[in-house]
Amino acid sequence: MSQTLFIAGATVRSVTQSAVRAGYRVVAADLFGDRDLQVCAQIRQVDPFPEALPQIARQIEPCCWMYTGGLENSAELVNAVSQFHTLWGNGAEVLRQVRDPFAVGQSLTEAGFSSLRLSRRRPEPAANKVWLRKPIHS
């Protein structure tokens, strides 16, 4: 019997299909639960997404797990699921660091790289400057 791999995310189809081709038996927790995903994996539809994921994780026998897009902004949720399964990937602390543009900018500057100028508040308009305004969790 092949090793079980738990894969969770907003859409896990491509990762699941790759894992199945590599010989894993996949339990997939997905926002959509598409029919083509049901053909190759045991499906758990996550509703509400992503809040229901820890509850789903508790229902699955302990195994290795990984996440896909849609969970990178949910460090605490990744940590919660990792209480039941062995994470293959970046844990909560790494997610917090890489999802913080100010920490990334500081790391780049300290390493000698150029970095964009960042501001926590909306700067005053200036004719010679263009700003990109973006939410932290996007």
Protein backbone atom coordinates (compact mmCIF):
# COMPACT_ATOMS: atom_id res chain seq x y z
CA MET A 1 0.00 0.00 0.00
CA SER A 2 1.28 3.51 -0.82
CA GLN A 3 1.92 6.22 1.72
CA THR A 4 -0.98 8.56 2.48
CA LEU A 5 -0.51 12.27 1.84
CA PHE A 6 -3.01 14.87 3.04
CA ILE A 7 -3.16 17.89 0.72
CA ALA A 8 -5.19 20.98 1.61
CA GLY A 9 -5.90 24.28 -0.12
CA ALA A 10 -8.38 26.32 -2.10
CA THR A 11 -7.73 24.15 -5.13
CA VAL A 12 -5.52 21.08 -4.89
CA ARG A 13 -6.17 19.34 -8.21
CA SER A 14 -2.74 19.73 -9.85
CA VAL A 15 -0.75 18.88 -6.71
CA THR A 16 -3.02 15.91 -6.01
CA GLN A 17 -2.65 14.56 -9.54
CA SER A 18 1.14 14.89 -9.30
CA ALA A 19 1.21 13.13 -5.92
CA VAL A 20 -0.95 10.29 -7.24
CA ARG A 21 1.39 9.87 -10.23
CA ALA A 22 4.27 9.69 -7.74
CA GLY A 23 2.55 6.80 -5.97
CA TYR A 24 0.86 8.50 -3.01
CA ARG A 25 -2.66 7.79 -1.79
CA VAL A 26 -4.10 11.28 -1.39
CA VAL A 27 -6.72 12.64 0.94
CA ALA A 28 -7.54 16.06 -0.49
CA ALA A 29 -9.24 18.89 1.39
CA ASP A 30 -10.38 21.38 -1.21
CA LEU A 31 -12.75 24.34 -1.43
CA PHE A 32 -14.48 23.00 -4.53
CA GLY A 33 -14.37 19.18 -4.43
CA ASP A 34 -14.42 18.95 -8.23
CA ARG A 35 -15.44 15.67 -9.89
CA ASP A 36 -12.10 15.19 -11.63
CA LEU A 37 -10.41 15.43 -8.22
CA GLN A 38 -12.76 12.76 -6.88
CA VAL A 39 -11.46 10.34 -9.51
CA CYS A 40 -7.94 10.31 -8.10
CA ALA A 41 -8.29 11.11 -4.39
CA GLN A 42 -10.44 10.82 -1.32
CA ILE A 43 -12.10 14.24 -1.07
CA ARG A 44 -13.07 16.39 1.88
CA GLN A 45 -14.75 19.61 0.80
CA VAL A 46 -13.74 22.47 3.11
CA ASP A 47 -16.80 24.52 4.04
CA PRO A 48 -16.38 27.12 5.33
CA PHE A 49 -12.96 27.64 3.77
CA PRO A 50 -10.44 27.66 5.38
CA GLU A 51 -11.93 27.64 8.89
CA ALA A 52 -13.17 24.03 8.68
CA LEU A 53 -9.74 22.64 7.83
CA PRO A 54 -8.56 21.78 11.38
CA GLN A 55 -11.76 19.83 12.00
CA ILE A 56 -11.24 17.87 8.78
CA ALA A 57 -7.59 17.26 9.68
CA ARG A 58 -8.61 15.64 12.97
CA GLN A 59 -10.76 13.12 11.06
CA ILE A 60 -7.82 11.81 9.01
CA GLU A 61 -5.32 9.27 10.28
CA PRO A 62 -1.97 10.96 11.05
CA CYS A 63 0.18 11.25 7.94
CA CYS A 64 2.30 13.77 6.06
CA TRP A 65 0.54 16.85 4.77
CA MET A 66 1.11 19.86 2.54
CA TYR A 67 -0.86 22.95 1.60
CA THR A 68 -1.41 24.89 -1.59
CA GLY A 69 -2.58 28.42 -2.39
CA GLY A 70 -5.17 29.98 -0.21
CA LEU A 71 -3.51 28.96 3.05
CA GLU A 72 -0.34 31.05 2.91
CA ASN A 73 -2.14 33.84 4.80
CA SER A 74 -3.33 31.44 7.51
CA ALA A 75 -0.25 30.71 9.59
CA GLU A 76 -2.27 29.76 12.68
CA LEU A 77 -4.38 27.36 10.65
CA VAL A 78 -1.25 25.73 9.19
CA ASN A 79 0.02 25.39 12.74
CA ALA A 80 -3.28 23.84 13.88
CA VAL A 81 -3.29 21.20 11.13
CA SER A 82 0.38 20.46 11.85
CA GLN A 83 -0.64 19.35 15.35
CA PHE A 84 -2.21 16.27 13.71
CA HIS A 85 -0.03 15.72 10.63
CA THR A 86 3.65 16.11 9.69
CA LEU A 87 4.02 19.20 7.52
CA TRP A 88 5.97 18.96 4.28
CA GLY A 89 6.66 22.65 3.69
CA ASN A 90 6.99 25.96 5.44
CA GLY A 91 5.51 26.19 8.90
CA ALA A 92 3.66 29.02 10.60
CA GLU A 93 6.73 31.02 11.63
CA VAL A 94 8.19 31.06 8.12
CA LEU A 95 4.79 32.02 6.68
CA ARG A 96 4.53 34.95 9.09
CA GLN A 97 7.98 36.17 8.02
CA VAL A 98 7.58 35.85 4.26
CA ARG A 99 4.05 37.31 4.28
CA ASP A 100 5.32 40.45 6.04
CA PRO A 101 6.53 42.82 3.29
CA PHE A 102 8.40 44.96 5.84
CA ALA A 103 10.39 41.96 7.13
CA VAL A 104 11.16 40.83 3.57
CA GLY A 105 12.23 44.36 2.59
CA GLN A 106 14.51 44.61 5.62
CA SER A 107 16.06 41.20 4.88
CA LEU A 108 16.72 42.20 1.27
CA THR A 109 18.31 45.49 2.32
CA GLU A 110 20.48 43.80 4.96
CA ALA A 111 21.66 41.30 2.33
CA GLY A 112 22.68 44.14 0.02
CA PHE A 113 19.77 43.97 -2.42
CA SER A 114 17.54 46.79 -3.55
CA SER A 115 14.07 46.85 -2.10
CA LEU A 116 10.93 48.83 -2.74
CA ARG A 117 10.17 51.68 -0.36
CA LEU A 118 7.34 50.61 1.93
CA SER A 119 4.98 52.65 4.06
CA ARG A 120 2.43 51.61 6.68
CA ARG A 121 0.34 54.71 6.00
CA ARG A 122 -0.83 56.36 2.85
CA PRO A 123 1.85 58.80 1.66
CA GLU A 124 1.08 62.34 0.57
CA PRO A 125 0.54 62.62 -3.19
CA ALA A 126 3.56 63.86 -5.14
CA ALA A 127 3.84 64.61 -8.84
CA ASN A 128 7.08 62.68 -9.26
CA LYS A 129 6.17 59.54 -7.27
CA VAL A 130 3.91 56.60 -8.00
CA TRP A 131 2.78 54.27 -5.21
CA LEU A 132 1.25 50.83 -5.42
CA ARG A 133 -1.33 50.36 -2.69
CA LYS A 134 -1.90 46.74 -1.77
CA PRO A 135 -3.46 44.89 1.16
CA ILE A 136 -1.01 42.92 3.31
CA HIS A 137 -2.91 39.64 2.74
CA SER A 138 -3.01 39.59 -1.05
